[in-house]
């Protein structure tokens, strides 16, 4: 009786199945890599700004507190962006004729705000409140990274929901004393989990509701 398939058909079939499996695995790996890469998240990618403001110079070298510029971070959902008059408080005396600061001087003279590009922004369907995080002992660097070391501002974290949930599920790993929230050089102690657990209780953080959808999606 003649064979319908050539004897090598089994080898071809096995190779095809292996190739399909490898292709699916590669596609999954490629998708995951691209999804978490700076190409998609825009993390660690410096943004163009109307003035190349250096947080490293102002926050680290000069020691200016975050709240001097971001005045509403302790009492509002938004940290706030400084207006030109805040910048000119210093620069009316320092580097007054610097070409680099011409847009700031023009903004103050005309009353037209500078259009800063936000590095950290969540989608419109996500509710985020700066003040509650500050009040509960979550430091600036937890979300924004080492801002005081950035010559130009960039997004330090992905801001993906998984990243947020890691903290909401285990706040004891990230929480710090309230008086250290704005300390960009603070380092967690060796017994962070022990101290963090105490702070979670002290600051009345209810972990049973922190992963509810309505916490962030309202």
N, C-alpha and C. Protein backbone atom coordinates (compact mmCIF):
# COMPACT_ATOMS: atom_id res chain seq x y z
N UNK A 1 0.86 -1.19 0.00
CA UNK A 1 0.00 0.00 0.00
C UNK A 1 0.90 1.24 0.00
N UNK A 2 0.67 2.16 -0.91
CA UNK A 2 1.55 3.34 -1.00
C UNK A 2 1.36 4.26 0.19
N UNK A 3 2.43 4.91 0.60
CA UNK A 3 2.37 5.86 1.70
C UNK A 3 1.81 7.19 1.22
N UNK A 4 0.91 7.76 2.02
CA UNK A 4 0.34 9.06 1.68
C UNK A 4 1.37 10.16 1.93
N UNK A 5 2.11 10.02 3.07
CA UNK A 5 3.09 11.03 3.44
C UNK A 5 4.50 10.47 3.26
N UNK A 6 5.39 11.34 2.93
CA UNK A 6 6.78 10.95 2.80
C UNK A 6 7.33 10.61 4.19
N UNK A 7 8.25 9.68 4.31
CA UNK A 7 8.82 9.32 5.62
C UNK A 7 9.37 10.52 6.40
N UNK A 8 9.81 11.54 5.67
CA UNK A 8 10.35 12.71 6.37
C UNK A 8 9.27 13.64 6.91
N UNK A 9 8.00 13.32 6.66
CA UNK A 9 6.92 14.20 7.09
C UNK A 9 6.88 14.34 8.61
N UNK A 10 7.17 13.25 9.32
CA UNK A 10 7.17 13.31 10.80
C UNK A 10 8.21 14.30 11.29
N UNK A 11 9.38 14.26 10.68
CA UNK A 11 10.44 15.19 11.08
C UNK A 11 10.03 16.63 10.80
N UNK A 12 9.43 16.85 9.63
CA UNK A 12 8.97 18.19 9.27
C UNK A 12 7.89 18.66 10.24
N UNK A 13 6.98 17.74 10.60
CA UNK A 13 5.90 18.11 11.52
C UNK A 13 6.46 18.49 12.90
N UNK A 14 7.42 17.67 13.39
CA UNK A 14 8.02 17.99 14.69
C UNK A 14 8.75 19.32 14.65
N UNK A 15 9.50 19.54 13.57
CA UNK A 15 10.23 20.80 13.44
C UNK A 15 9.27 21.99 13.37
N UNK A 16 8.13 21.78 12.68
CA UNK A 16 7.14 22.85 12.56
C UNK A 16 6.53 23.18 13.92
N UNK A 17 6.20 22.15 14.68
CA UNK A 17 5.62 22.37 16.01
C UNK A 17 6.62 23.07 16.93
N UNK A 18 7.88 22.63 16.83
CA UNK A 18 8.92 23.27 17.64
C UNK A 18 9.08 24.73 17.24
N UNK A 19 9.07 24.98 15.91
CA UNK A 19 9.21 26.35 15.42
C UNK A 19 8.05 27.23 15.87
N UNK A 20 6.83 26.68 15.85
CA UNK A 20 5.67 27.45 16.29
C UNK A 20 5.78 27.77 17.78
N UNK A 21 6.19 26.76 18.55
CA UNK A 21 6.35 26.98 19.99
C UNK A 21 7.39 28.03 20.30
N UNK A 22 8.53 27.94 19.61
CA UNK A 22 9.58 28.94 19.82
C UNK A 22 9.14 30.33 19.38
N UNK A 23 8.38 30.39 18.29
CA UNK A 23 7.90 31.68 17.79
C UNK A 23 6.95 32.33 18.80
N UNK A 24 6.05 31.52 19.37
CA UNK A 24 5.12 32.03 20.37
C UNK A 24 5.88 32.52 21.60
N UNK A 25 6.86 31.72 22.04
CA UNK A 25 7.67 32.11 23.21
C UNK A 25 8.44 33.39 22.93
N UNK A 26 9.02 33.48 21.74
CA UNK A 26 9.78 34.69 21.39
C UNK A 26 8.86 35.91 21.32
N UNK A 27 7.66 35.71 20.75
CA UNK A 27 6.72 36.82 20.65
C UNK A 27 6.32 37.31 22.04
N UNK A 28 6.11 36.36 22.97
CA UNK A 28 5.76 36.74 24.34
C UNK A 28 6.90 37.48 25.02
N UNK A 29 8.12 36.98 24.82
CA UNK A 29 9.28 37.65 25.40
C UNK A 29 9.46 39.05 24.82
N UNK A 30 9.29 39.17 23.50
CA UNK A 30 9.46 40.47 22.84
C UNK A 30 8.40 41.46 23.32
N UNK A 31 7.16 41.00 23.44
CA UNK A 31 6.08 41.88 23.90
C UNK A 31 6.35 42.35 25.32
N UNK A 32 6.76 41.44 26.20
CA UNK A 32 7.03 41.81 27.59
C UNK A 32 8.21 42.78 27.68
N UNK A 33 9.25 42.53 26.89
CA UNK A 33 10.42 43.40 26.90
C UNK A 33 10.07 44.81 26.42
N UNK A 34 9.31 44.89 25.34
CA UNK A 34 8.92 46.20 24.81
C UNK A 34 7.97 46.91 25.76
N UNK A 35 7.05 46.15 26.37
CA UNK A 35 6.05 46.73 27.27
C UNK A 35 6.70 47.41 28.47
N UNK A 36 7.80 46.81 28.97
CA UNK A 36 8.47 47.35 30.15
C UNK A 36 9.68 48.22 29.79
N UNK A 37 9.95 48.41 28.53
CA UNK A 37 11.13 49.16 28.12
C UNK A 37 10.86 50.66 28.13
N UNK A 38 11.91 51.48 28.23
CA UNK A 38 11.73 52.93 28.17
C UNK A 38 11.07 53.40 26.87
N UNK A 39 11.16 52.59 25.82
CA UNK A 39 10.52 52.95 24.55
C UNK A 39 9.02 53.12 24.74
N UNK A 40 8.43 52.27 25.62
CA UNK A 40 7.00 52.33 25.88
C UNK A 40 6.68 53.16 27.10
N UNK A 41 7.41 52.95 28.18
CA UNK A 41 7.11 53.64 29.44
C UNK A 41 7.61 55.07 29.47
N UNK A 42 8.59 55.38 28.64
CA UNK A 42 9.25 56.69 28.62
C UNK A 42 10.01 56.96 29.91
N UNK A 43 10.26 55.90 30.69
CA UNK A 43 11.03 56.06 31.92
C UNK A 43 12.50 56.31 31.59
N UNK A 44 13.12 57.15 32.41
CA UNK A 44 14.54 57.49 32.29
C UNK A 44 14.86 58.16 30.95
N UNK A 45 13.86 58.83 30.39
CA UNK A 45 14.05 59.58 29.15
C UNK A 45 13.87 61.06 29.43
N UNK A 46 14.95 61.84 29.42
CA UNK A 46 14.83 63.27 29.70
C UNK A 46 13.88 63.96 28.74
N UNK A 47 13.12 64.91 29.27
CA UNK A 47 12.15 65.63 28.46
C UNK A 47 12.68 67.01 28.07
N UNK A 48 12.29 67.44 26.89
CA UNK A 48 12.60 68.80 26.48
C UNK A 48 11.73 69.77 27.29
N UNK A 49 12.32 70.84 27.76
CA UNK A 49 11.60 71.83 28.56
C UNK A 49 11.89 73.23 28.00
N UNK A 50 11.02 74.19 28.29
CA UNK A 50 11.28 75.56 27.82
C UNK A 50 12.56 76.15 28.42
N UNK A 51 12.92 75.67 29.61
CA UNK A 51 14.18 76.04 30.26
C UNK A 51 14.78 74.75 30.82
N UNK A 52 16.04 74.43 30.53
CA UNK A 52 16.65 73.19 31.03
C UNK A 52 16.93 73.25 32.53
N UNK A 53 15.87 73.14 33.31
CA UNK A 53 15.98 73.24 34.77
C UNK A 53 16.68 72.00 35.34
N UNK A 54 17.66 72.22 36.20
CA UNK A 54 18.42 71.12 36.80
C UNK A 54 18.02 70.93 38.26
N UNK A 55 17.34 69.81 38.55
CA UNK A 55 17.03 69.48 39.93
C UNK A 55 18.31 69.18 40.71
N UNK A 56 19.30 68.60 40.04
CA UNK A 56 20.55 68.28 40.73
C UNK A 56 21.19 69.56 41.29
N UNK A 57 21.18 70.62 40.49
CA UNK A 57 21.78 71.88 40.94
C UNK A 57 20.95 72.51 42.07
N UNK A 58 19.63 72.58 41.86
CA UNK A 58 18.79 73.29 42.82
C UNK A 58 18.52 72.48 44.09
N UNK A 59 18.19 71.20 43.93
CA UNK A 59 17.81 70.40 45.10
C UNK A 59 19.01 69.81 45.83
N UNK A 60 20.05 69.43 45.08
CA UNK A 60 21.19 68.77 45.71
C UNK A 60 22.29 69.77 46.07
N UNK A 61 22.77 70.49 45.08
CA UNK A 61 23.89 71.39 45.31
C UNK A 61 23.49 72.61 46.14
N UNK A 62 22.30 73.15 45.90
CA UNK A 62 21.84 74.31 46.66
C UNK A 62 20.99 73.93 47.86
N UNK A 63 20.50 72.69 47.88
CA UNK A 63 19.73 72.22 49.03
C UNK A 63 18.34 72.82 49.15
N UNK A 64 17.73 73.23 48.05
CA UNK A 64 16.39 73.80 48.09
C UNK A 64 15.37 72.69 48.32
N UNK A 65 14.51 72.87 49.29
CA UNK A 65 13.49 71.88 49.64
C UNK A 65 12.45 71.76 48.52
N UNK A 66 11.95 70.55 48.32
CA UNK A 66 10.94 70.29 47.28
C UNK A 66 9.76 71.26 47.39
N UNK A 67 9.36 71.55 48.64
CA UNK A 67 8.15 72.33 48.87
C UNK A 67 8.29 73.81 48.51
N UNK A 68 9.52 74.26 48.29
CA UNK A 68 9.70 75.66 47.90
C UNK A 68 9.08 75.91 46.53
N UNK A 69 9.24 74.94 45.64
CA UNK A 69 8.67 75.06 44.29
C UNK A 69 7.33 74.35 44.16
N UNK A 70 7.24 73.18 44.76
CA UNK A 70 6.00 72.39 44.69
C UNK A 70 5.19 72.65 45.95
N UNK A 71 4.58 73.82 45.98
CA UNK A 71 4.00 74.35 47.22
C UNK A 71 2.76 73.61 47.70
N UNK A 72 2.04 72.94 46.82
CA UNK A 72 0.78 72.32 47.22
C UNK A 72 0.88 70.82 47.47
N UNK A 73 2.10 70.28 47.49
CA UNK A 73 2.27 68.83 47.56
C UNK A 73 1.73 68.24 48.87
N UNK A 74 1.70 69.03 49.94
CA UNK A 74 1.23 68.52 51.23
C UNK A 74 -0.27 68.69 51.44
N UNK A 75 -0.93 69.45 50.59
CA UNK A 75 -2.33 69.76 50.84
C UNK A 75 -3.24 69.57 49.64
N UNK A 76 -2.69 69.09 48.55
CA UNK A 76 -3.49 68.97 47.33
C UNK A 76 -3.17 67.67 46.60
N UNK A 77 -4.05 67.32 45.68
CA UNK A 77 -3.81 66.14 44.84
C UNK A 77 -2.62 66.37 43.92
N UNK A 78 -2.36 67.63 43.60
CA UNK A 78 -1.28 67.97 42.68
C UNK A 78 -0.13 68.65 43.43
N UNK A 79 1.08 68.29 43.05
CA UNK A 79 2.25 68.87 43.71
C UNK A 79 2.41 70.34 43.33
N UNK A 80 1.93 70.71 42.17
CA UNK A 80 2.04 72.08 41.72
C UNK A 80 3.34 72.35 40.98
N UNK A 81 3.27 73.21 40.00
CA UNK A 81 4.44 73.63 39.23
C UNK A 81 4.70 75.09 39.55
N UNK A 82 5.93 75.47 39.87
CA UNK A 82 6.19 76.85 40.27
C UNK A 82 5.92 77.83 39.13
N UNK A 83 5.34 78.97 39.50
CA UNK A 83 5.16 80.00 38.48
C UNK A 83 6.46 80.79 38.32
N UNK A 84 6.49 81.64 37.34
CA UNK A 84 7.73 82.36 37.01
C UNK A 84 8.17 83.28 38.13
N UNK A 85 7.22 83.79 38.91
CA UNK A 85 7.59 84.69 40.01
C UNK A 85 8.38 83.95 41.08
N UNK A 86 8.11 82.65 41.26
CA UNK A 86 8.88 81.84 42.21
C UNK A 86 10.32 81.72 41.73
N UNK A 87 10.50 81.46 40.45
CA UNK A 87 11.85 81.35 39.89
C UNK A 87 12.59 82.68 40.04
N UNK A 88 11.88 83.78 39.79
CA UNK A 88 12.52 85.09 39.79
C UNK A 88 12.77 85.62 41.20
N UNK A 89 12.24 84.95 42.21
CA UNK A 89 12.58 85.33 43.58
C UNK A 89 14.09 85.28 43.76
N UNK A 90 14.71 84.25 43.21
CA UNK A 90 16.17 84.13 43.27
C UNK A 90 16.83 84.80 42.07
N UNK A 91 16.25 84.57 40.90
CA UNK A 91 16.94 85.00 39.68
C UNK A 91 16.77 86.48 39.34
N UNK A 92 16.08 87.19 40.20
CA UNK A 92 16.11 88.66 40.07
C UNK A 92 17.41 89.21 40.64
N UNK A 93 18.12 88.33 41.39
CA UNK A 93 19.40 88.70 41.99
C UNK A 93 20.56 87.89 41.42
N UNK A 94 20.28 86.67 40.97
CA UNK A 94 21.32 85.76 40.49
C UNK A 94 21.12 85.46 39.01
N UNK A 95 22.19 85.54 38.25
CA UNK A 95 22.14 85.25 36.81
C UNK A 95 21.02 86.04 36.13
N UNK A 96 20.94 87.29 36.46
CA UNK A 96 19.82 88.12 36.00
C UNK A 96 19.77 88.30 34.48
N UNK A 97 20.93 88.23 33.83
CA UNK A 97 20.96 88.44 32.37
C UNK A 97 21.32 87.17 31.60
N UNK A 98 21.26 86.05 32.27
CA UNK A 98 21.63 84.79 31.60
C UNK A 98 20.68 84.51 30.44
N UNK A 99 21.20 84.27 29.23
CA UNK A 99 20.33 83.97 28.09
C UNK A 99 19.45 82.75 28.33
N UNK A 100 19.97 81.81 29.10
CA UNK A 100 19.24 80.58 29.38
C UNK A 100 17.91 80.85 30.08
N UNK A 101 17.88 81.95 30.85
CA UNK A 101 16.69 82.27 31.64
C UNK A 101 15.78 83.30 30.97
N UNK A 102 16.05 83.60 29.72
CA UNK A 102 15.23 84.58 28.99
C UNK A 102 13.76 84.19 28.96
N UNK A 103 13.40 82.90 28.75
CA UNK A 103 11.98 82.53 28.76
C UNK A 103 11.31 82.81 30.11
N UNK A 104 12.05 82.65 31.20
CA UNK A 104 11.48 82.92 32.53
C UNK A 104 11.20 84.41 32.69
N UNK A 105 12.15 85.24 32.29
CA UNK A 105 11.98 86.69 32.40
C UNK A 105 10.82 87.16 31.53
N UNK A 106 10.72 86.58 30.34
CA UNK A 106 9.63 86.97 29.43
C UNK A 106 8.29 86.53 30.00
N UNK A 107 8.26 85.35 30.60
CA UNK A 107 7.01 84.86 31.20
C UNK A 107 6.54 85.77 32.32
N UNK A 108 7.49 86.21 33.16
CA UNK A 108 7.12 87.10 34.25
C UNK A 108 6.63 88.45 33.71
N UNK A 109 7.28 88.95 32.67
CA UNK A 109 6.93 90.26 32.12
C UNK A 109 5.57 90.25 31.43
N UNK A 110 5.26 89.14 30.76
CA UNK A 110 4.02 89.07 29.97
C UNK A 110 2.86 88.43 30.73
N UNK A 111 3.19 87.71 31.81
CA UNK A 111 2.14 87.00 32.55
C UNK A 111 1.70 85.72 31.90
N UNK A 112 2.42 85.29 30.87
CA UNK A 112 2.10 84.02 30.19
C UNK A 112 2.93 82.90 30.82
N UNK A 113 2.29 81.91 31.43
CA UNK A 113 3.05 80.85 32.11
C UNK A 113 3.91 80.04 31.13
N UNK A 114 5.02 79.55 31.63
CA UNK A 114 5.83 78.63 30.85
C UNK A 114 5.09 77.30 30.71
N UNK A 115 5.26 76.67 29.57
CA UNK A 115 4.61 75.37 29.35
C UNK A 115 5.60 74.25 29.65
N UNK A 116 5.64 73.84 30.91
CA UNK A 116 6.53 72.75 31.30
C UNK A 116 5.92 71.42 30.87
N UNK A 117 6.76 70.50 30.46
CA UNK A 117 6.32 69.16 30.09
C UNK A 117 6.40 68.25 31.32
N UNK A 118 5.26 67.69 31.69
CA UNK A 118 5.20 66.85 32.90
C UNK A 118 5.88 65.52 32.64
N UNK A 119 6.79 65.17 33.52
CA UNK A 119 7.48 63.89 33.40
C UNK A 119 6.65 62.76 33.97
N UNK A 120 5.93 63.04 35.04
CA UNK A 120 5.13 62.02 35.72
C UNK A 120 3.65 62.36 35.59
N UNK A 121 2.93 61.51 34.87
CA UNK A 121 1.52 61.76 34.66
C UNK A 121 0.78 60.43 34.53
N UNK A 122 -0.27 60.28 35.31
CA UNK A 122 -1.09 59.07 35.22
C UNK A 122 -2.26 59.34 34.28
N UNK A 123 -2.86 58.29 33.73
CA UNK A 123 -4.01 58.49 32.82
C UNK A 123 -5.17 59.19 33.52
N UNK A 124 -6.07 59.76 32.74
CA UNK A 124 -7.21 60.49 33.30
C UNK A 124 -8.12 59.60 34.14
N UNK A 125 -8.11 58.30 33.87
CA UNK A 125 -9.00 57.41 34.62
C UNK A 125 -8.38 56.94 35.94
N UNK A 126 -7.24 57.48 36.28
CA UNK A 126 -6.56 57.14 37.54
C UNK A 126 -6.57 58.35 38.46
N UNK A 127 -7.02 58.14 39.70
CA UNK A 127 -7.01 59.21 40.69
C UNK A 127 -5.78 59.05 41.56
N UNK A 128 -4.94 60.08 41.60
CA UNK A 128 -3.75 60.06 42.45
C UNK A 128 -3.72 61.35 43.26
N UNK A 129 -3.47 61.21 44.55
CA UNK A 129 -3.43 62.36 45.44
C UNK A 129 -2.08 62.44 46.13
N UNK A 130 -1.32 63.51 45.86
CA UNK A 130 -0.01 63.67 46.49
C UNK A 130 -0.12 63.79 48.01
N UNK A 131 -1.08 64.57 48.47
CA UNK A 131 -1.14 64.89 49.90
C UNK A 131 -1.32 63.67 50.77
N UNK A 132 -2.13 62.70 50.34
CA UNK A 132 -2.36 61.52 51.17
C UNK A 132 -1.11 60.66 51.25
N UNK A 133 -0.36 60.60 50.16
CA UNK A 133 0.89 59.82 50.17
C UNK A 133 1.92 60.48 51.08
N UNK A 134 2.01 61.80 51.03
CA UNK A 134 2.94 62.51 51.92
C UNK A 134 2.53 62.30 53.37
N UNK A 135 1.23 62.41 53.66
CA UNK A 135 0.74 62.27 55.03
C UNK A 135 0.97 60.87 55.58
N UNK A 136 1.01 59.88 54.69
CA UNK A 136 1.18 58.49 55.13
C UNK A 136 2.64 58.03 55.08
N UNK A 137 3.56 58.94 54.83
CA UNK A 137 4.98 58.60 54.93
C UNK A 137 5.60 57.99 53.69
N UNK A 138 5.09 58.33 52.52
CA UNK A 138 5.69 57.87 51.27
C UNK A 138 6.57 58.99 50.71
N UNK A 139 7.87 58.75 50.66
CA UNK A 139 8.82 59.77 50.26
C UNK A 139 8.75 60.10 48.78
N UNK A 140 9.18 61.31 48.45
CA UNK A 140 9.20 61.75 47.05
C UNK A 140 9.98 60.77 46.17
N UNK A 141 11.11 60.30 46.68
CA UNK A 141 12.00 59.45 45.88
C UNK A 141 11.39 58.09 45.56
N UNK A 142 10.42 57.65 46.36
CA UNK A 142 9.80 56.34 46.11
C UNK A 142 9.16 56.32 44.72
N UNK A 143 8.50 57.40 44.37
CA UNK A 143 7.83 57.48 43.07
C UNK A 143 8.66 58.20 42.01
N UNK A 144 9.36 59.24 42.43
CA UNK A 144 10.07 60.09 41.47
C UNK A 144 11.53 59.75 41.30
N UNK A 145 12.05 58.82 42.11
CA UNK A 145 13.45 58.45 41.99
C UNK A 145 14.35 59.53 42.58
N UNK A 146 15.66 59.40 42.36
CA UNK A 146 16.63 60.36 42.91
C UNK A 146 16.61 61.68 42.13
N UNK A 147 15.55 62.45 42.32
CA UNK A 147 15.39 63.70 41.59
C UNK A 147 16.57 64.63 41.82
N UNK A 148 17.12 64.60 43.03
CA UNK A 148 18.23 65.49 43.35
C UNK A 148 19.52 65.14 42.60
N UNK A 149 19.52 64.05 41.86
CA UNK A 149 20.68 63.68 41.06
C UNK A 149 20.42 63.85 39.56
N UNK A 150 19.27 64.40 39.21
CA UNK A 150 18.89 64.51 37.80
C UNK A 150 19.26 65.88 37.25
N UNK A 151 20.19 65.96 36.30
CA UNK A 151 20.50 67.25 35.66
C UNK A 151 19.34 67.75 34.82
N UNK A 152 18.58 66.82 34.25
CA UNK A 152 17.33 67.12 33.57
C UNK A 152 16.28 66.15 34.11
N UNK A 153 15.05 66.57 34.14
CA UNK A 153 14.01 65.75 34.75
C UNK A 153 13.55 64.64 33.82
N UNK A 154 13.37 63.46 34.40
CA UNK A 154 12.77 62.36 33.66
C UNK A 154 11.92 61.52 34.59
N UNK A 155 11.05 60.72 34.01
CA UNK A 155 10.22 59.80 34.78
C UNK A 155 11.08 58.63 35.22
N UNK A 156 11.11 58.37 36.51
CA UNK A 156 11.99 57.34 37.05
C UNK A 156 11.35 55.96 37.05
N UNK A 157 10.03 55.90 37.23
CA UNK A 157 9.31 54.64 37.32
C UNK A 157 8.34 54.49 36.15
N UNK A 158 7.86 53.27 35.93
CA UNK A 158 6.95 53.03 34.81
C UNK A 158 5.58 53.67 35.04
N UNK A 159 5.15 53.77 36.30
CA UNK A 159 3.81 54.21 36.69
C UNK A 159 2.74 53.25 36.22
N UNK A 160 3.13 52.03 35.86
CA UNK A 160 2.14 51.00 35.53
C UNK A 160 1.38 50.59 36.79
N UNK A 161 0.17 50.07 36.61
CA UNK A 161 -0.65 49.68 37.73
C UNK A 161 0.04 48.63 38.60
N UNK A 162 0.76 47.70 37.99
CA UNK A 162 1.47 46.69 38.75
C UNK A 162 2.46 47.32 39.71
N UNK A 163 3.13 48.36 39.25
CA UNK A 163 4.11 49.04 40.10
C UNK A 163 3.42 49.70 41.29
N UNK A 164 2.27 50.34 41.06
CA UNK A 164 1.51 50.95 42.15
C UNK A 164 1.03 49.89 43.14
N UNK A 165 0.54 48.78 42.62
CA UNK A 165 0.00 47.73 43.49
C UNK A 165 1.07 47.09 44.36
N UNK A 166 2.31 47.04 43.88
CA UNK A 166 3.38 46.49 44.71
C UNK A 166 3.48 47.25 46.03
N UNK A 167 3.32 48.55 45.98
CA UNK A 167 3.38 49.37 47.18
C UNK A 167 2.09 49.27 47.98
N UNK A 168 0.96 49.26 47.29
CA UNK A 168 -0.32 49.19 47.98
C UNK A 168 -0.50 47.86 48.71
N UNK A 169 0.11 46.81 48.18
CA UNK A 169 0.01 45.50 48.85
C UNK A 169 0.95 45.40 50.05
N UNK A 170 2.12 46.02 49.93
CA UNK A 170 3.12 45.93 51.00
C UNK A 170 3.71 47.31 51.30
N UNK A 171 2.91 48.20 51.87
CA UNK A 171 3.42 49.55 52.15
C UNK A 171 4.55 49.55 53.17
N UNK A 172 4.65 48.50 53.99
CA UNK A 172 5.72 48.43 54.99
C UNK A 172 7.11 48.42 54.35
N UNK A 173 7.21 48.04 53.09
CA UNK A 173 8.50 47.99 52.41
C UNK A 173 8.94 49.38 51.93
N UNK A 174 8.01 50.32 51.85
CA UNK A 174 8.32 51.62 51.24
C UNK A 174 8.12 52.81 52.17
N UNK A 175 7.34 52.63 53.21
CA UNK A 175 6.98 53.74 54.09
C UNK A 175 8.20 54.22 54.88
N UNK A 176 8.17 55.48 55.27
CA UNK A 176 9.25 56.07 56.07
C UNK A 176 8.63 57.05 57.07
N UNK A 177 9.38 57.50 58.06
CA UNK A 177 8.85 58.52 58.97
C UNK A 177 8.45 59.78 58.22
N UNK A 178 7.40 60.43 58.66
CA UNK A 178 6.90 61.61 57.96
C UNK A 178 7.95 62.71 57.84
N UNK A 179 8.79 62.84 58.85
CA UNK A 179 9.78 63.91 58.78
C UNK A 179 10.93 63.60 57.83
N UNK A 180 10.88 62.43 57.18
CA UNK A 180 11.90 62.06 56.20
C UNK A 180 11.35 62.02 54.78
N UNK A 181 10.08 62.38 54.62
CA UNK A 181 9.42 62.28 53.30
C UNK A 181 10.16 63.09 52.24
N UNK A 182 10.64 64.28 52.60
CA UNK A 182 11.28 65.16 51.63
C UNK A 182 12.80 65.07 51.65
N UNK A 183 13.31 64.11 52.40
CA UNK A 183 14.75 63.89 52.45
C UNK A 183 15.15 62.96 51.31
N UNK A 184 15.75 63.53 50.28
CA UNK A 184 16.08 62.75 49.09
C UNK A 184 17.23 61.78 49.33
N UNK A 185 17.96 61.95 50.42
CA UNK A 185 19.10 61.08 50.70
C UNK A 185 18.79 60.02 51.75
N UNK A 186 17.53 59.93 52.17
CA UNK A 186 17.14 58.95 53.18
C UNK A 186 17.29 57.53 52.63
N UNK A 187 17.80 56.64 53.47
CA UNK A 187 17.95 55.24 53.10
C UNK A 187 17.18 54.38 54.09
N UNK A 188 16.48 53.35 53.61
CA UNK A 188 15.73 52.49 54.53
C UNK A 188 16.66 51.76 55.49
N UNK A 189 16.25 51.60 56.74
CA UNK A 189 17.09 50.89 57.71
C UNK A 189 17.11 49.39 57.42
N UNK A 190 18.03 48.69 58.07
CA UNK A 190 18.14 47.24 57.86
C UNK A 190 16.87 46.51 58.28
N UNK A 191 16.19 47.05 59.30
CA UNK A 191 14.95 46.41 59.76
C UNK A 191 13.73 47.17 59.21
N UNK A 192 13.80 47.53 57.93
CA UNK A 192 12.74 48.32 57.30
C UNK A 192 11.36 47.68 57.47
N UNK A 193 11.26 46.36 57.29
CA UNK A 193 9.96 45.70 57.39
C UNK A 193 9.40 45.85 58.80
N UNK A 194 10.24 45.69 59.81
CA UNK A 194 9.79 45.83 61.19
C UNK A 194 9.33 47.26 61.47
N UNK A 195 10.18 48.23 61.12
CA UNK A 195 9.82 49.62 61.35
C UNK A 195 8.65 50.05 60.46
N UNK A 196 8.64 49.52 59.24
CA UNK A 196 7.55 49.85 58.33
C UNK A 196 6.21 49.37 58.83
N UNK A 197 6.19 48.17 59.40
CA UNK A 197 4.95 47.63 59.96
C UNK A 197 4.44 48.51 61.09
N UNK A 198 5.36 49.01 61.91
CA UNK A 198 4.97 49.91 63.00
C UNK A 198 4.41 51.22 62.46
N UNK A 199 5.04 51.74 61.40
CA UNK A 199 4.57 53.00 60.82
C UNK A 199 3.22 52.84 60.14
N UNK A 200 2.99 51.69 59.51
CA UNK A 200 1.68 51.43 58.89
C UNK A 200 0.58 51.52 59.94
N UNK A 201 0.84 50.92 61.11
CA UNK A 201 -0.14 50.98 62.19
C UNK A 201 -0.24 52.40 62.76
N UNK A 202 0.89 53.06 62.94
CA UNK A 202 0.91 54.41 63.53
C UNK A 202 0.18 55.42 62.66
N UNK A 203 0.31 55.28 61.32
CA UNK A 203 -0.32 56.22 60.41
C UNK A 203 -1.71 55.77 59.95
N UNK A 204 -2.22 54.72 60.59
CA UNK A 204 -3.59 54.23 60.35
C UNK A 204 -3.83 53.91 58.87
N UNK A 205 -2.92 53.16 58.30
CA UNK A 205 -3.06 52.74 56.90
C UNK A 205 -3.85 51.44 56.85
N UNK A 206 -5.00 51.46 56.20
CA UNK A 206 -5.87 50.30 56.11
C UNK A 206 -5.52 49.52 54.84
N UNK A 207 -4.69 48.51 54.98
CA UNK A 207 -4.24 47.74 53.81
C UNK A 207 -5.34 46.87 53.21
N UNK A 208 -6.45 46.69 53.93
CA UNK A 208 -7.52 45.82 53.43
C UNK A 208 -8.27 46.46 52.27
N UNK A 209 -8.17 47.77 52.11
CA UNK A 209 -8.91 48.45 51.03
C UNK A 209 -8.00 49.06 49.98
N UNK A 210 -6.70 48.96 50.18
CA UNK A 210 -5.79 49.68 49.31
C UNK A 210 -5.68 49.09 47.91
N UNK A 211 -6.16 47.87 47.71
CA UNK A 211 -6.14 47.28 46.37
C UNK A 211 -7.54 47.22 45.77
N UNK A 212 -8.50 47.89 46.43
CA UNK A 212 -9.83 47.98 45.84
C UNK A 212 -9.78 48.86 44.59
N UNK A 213 -10.55 48.50 43.58
CA UNK A 213 -10.54 49.28 42.34
C UNK A 213 -10.90 50.73 42.58
N UNK A 214 -11.87 50.97 43.50
CA UNK A 214 -12.35 52.33 43.73
C UNK A 214 -11.33 53.22 44.42
N UNK A 215 -10.25 52.63 44.94
CA UNK A 215 -9.21 53.45 45.57
C UNK A 215 -8.56 54.38 44.57
N UNK A 216 -8.33 53.88 43.38
CA UNK A 216 -7.64 54.69 42.35
C UNK A 216 -8.53 55.02 41.15
N UNK A 217 -9.59 54.24 40.95
CA UNK A 217 -10.48 54.46 39.79
C UNK A 217 -11.85 54.88 40.31
N UNK A 218 -12.16 56.17 40.15
CA UNK A 218 -13.39 56.70 40.73
C UNK A 218 -14.29 57.31 39.66
